[in-house]
Amino acid sequence: MTPSRQESPHALVNAMTAVFEHRKQAFEDDLNFLVDVKSEKVEATTIDPEDELRNLKERFEFWRKDFRTRLRDTKGTLRRLRTTDTHRMKMTLGWWGKKA
């Protein structure tokens, strides 16, 4: 994400929160389905729960690493936005803190 005038810190954080909540719900749903298959509450003859659990763990690890990278990028973007705002404020105020 590159900073632009339309992006606000709240919008960036809200977007990351939405992504996190969506993926969290997807992983929980997949895990609950595997638990139901394993406990034979749901009949799925073509699914091997152990293989599916292994695949789910791999997907989760990949997602976790990707999300960590995206969080780091978002944090950098927020830092750049804050620096830009601080610089803009210093340009409108003189060194004495009054409007120039």
Protein backbone atom coordinates (compact mmCIF):
# COMPACT_ATOMS: atom_id res chain seq x y z
CA MET A 1 0.00 0.00 0.00
CA THR A 2 1.32 3.39 -0.93
CA PRO A 3 0.12 6.48 0.87
CA SER A 4 -2.33 8.66 -0.98
CA ARG A 5 -4.45 11.59 0.03
CA GLN A 6 -7.60 9.45 0.13
CA GLU A 7 -6.22 6.92 2.60
CA SER A 8 -6.78 7.61 6.23
CA PRO A 9 -5.17 5.70 9.09
CA HIS A 10 -8.61 4.50 10.17
CA ALA A 11 -9.40 3.16 6.69
CA LEU A 12 -6.13 1.23 6.57
CA VAL A 13 -6.68 -0.31 10.00
CA ASN A 14 -10.32 -1.11 9.22
CA ALA A 15 -9.31 -2.85 5.98
CA MET A 16 -6.75 -5.02 7.79
CA THR A 17 -9.29 -5.82 10.52
CA ALA A 18 -11.85 -6.87 7.92
CA VAL A 19 -9.33 -9.15 6.20
CA PHE A 20 -8.35 -10.68 9.53
CA GLU A 21 -11.95 -11.30 10.62
CA HIS A 22 -12.88 -12.82 7.26
CA ARG A 23 -9.96 -15.25 7.24
CA LYS A 24 -10.46 -16.07 10.92
CA GLN A 25 -14.06 -17.04 10.23
CA ALA A 26 -13.05 -19.12 7.19
CA PHE A 27 -10.43 -21.06 9.18
CA GLU A 28 -12.87 -21.62 12.05
CA ASP A 29 -15.53 -22.91 9.64
CA ASP A 30 -13.05 -25.26 7.96
CA LEU A 31 -11.82 -26.53 11.30
CA ASN A 32 -15.35 -27.09 12.64
CA PHE A 33 -16.22 -29.03 9.49
CA LEU A 34 -13.17 -31.25 9.95
CA VAL A 35 -14.10 -31.87 13.58
CA ASP A 36 -17.62 -32.87 12.50
CA VAL A 37 -16.23 -35.23 9.84
CA LYS A 38 -13.80 -36.77 12.33
CA SER A 39 -16.53 -37.27 14.95
CA GLU A 40 -18.80 -38.68 12.19
CA LYS A 41 -21.49 -36.03 12.68
CA VAL A 42 -21.16 -35.30 8.98
CA GLU A 43 -20.72 -38.05 6.43
CA ALA A 44 -17.93 -37.34 3.98
CA THR A 45 -16.52 -40.55 2.54
CA THR A 46 -14.13 -38.84 0.13
CA ILE A 47 -12.45 -36.67 2.77
CA ASP A 48 -9.55 -37.84 4.88
CA PRO A 49 -9.70 -35.58 7.98
CA GLU A 50 -5.99 -35.97 8.75
CA ASP A 51 -4.95 -34.91 5.25
CA GLU A 52 -7.40 -32.03 5.27
CA LEU A 53 -6.14 -30.89 8.68
CA ARG A 54 -2.58 -30.98 7.38
CA ASN A 55 -3.64 -28.90 4.36
CA LEU A 56 -5.49 -26.46 6.64
CA LYS A 57 -2.37 -26.05 8.79
CA GLU A 58 -0.27 -25.32 5.69
CA ARG A 59 -2.80 -22.77 4.43
CA PHE A 60 -2.90 -21.16 7.86
CA GLU A 61 0.90 -20.88 8.06
CA PHE A 62 1.05 -19.35 4.58
CA TRP A 63 -1.74 -16.90 5.43
CA ARG A 64 -0.10 -15.99 8.76
CA LYS A 65 3.21 -15.13 7.07
CA ASP A 66 1.43 -13.16 4.34
CA PHE A 67 -0.67 -11.27 6.90
CA ARG A 68 2.42 -10.46 8.97
CA THR A 69 4.02 -8.94 5.86
CA ARG A 70 0.88 -6.96 5.09
CA LEU A 71 0.75 -5.70 8.69
CA ARG A 72 4.37 -4.57 8.43
CA ASP A 73 3.60 -2.77 5.14
CA THR A 74 0.53 -1.13 6.65
CA LYS A 75 2.52 -0.02 9.68
CA GLY A 76 5.07 1.59 7.34
CA THR A 77 2.30 3.30 5.40
CA LEU A 78 0.82 4.65 8.62
CA ARG A 79 4.24 5.91 9.66
CA ARG A 80 4.68 7.64 6.28
CA LEU A 81 1.22 9.21 6.53
CA ARG A 82 2.00 10.48 10.02
CA THR A 83 5.35 11.88 8.85
CA THR A 84 3.69 13.57 5.86
CA ASP A 85 1.04 15.13 8.12
CA THR A 86 3.71 16.31 10.57
CA HIS A 87 5.75 17.81 7.72
CA ARG A 88 2.67 19.53 6.29
CA MET A 89 1.88 21.01 9.72
CA LYS A 90 5.46 22.27 10.13
CA MET A 91 5.23 23.93 6.72
CA THR A 92 2.10 25.87 7.72
CA LEU A 93 3.52 26.84 11.12
CA GLY A 94 6.69 28.81 11.52
CA TRP A 95 9.47 27.61 13.77
CA TRP A 96 7.80 29.56 16.59
CA GLY A 97 4.61 27.50 16.29
CA LYS A 98 2.36 30.24 14.91
CA LYS A 99 0.85 30.30 11.46
CA ALA A 100 3.25 31.81 8.97
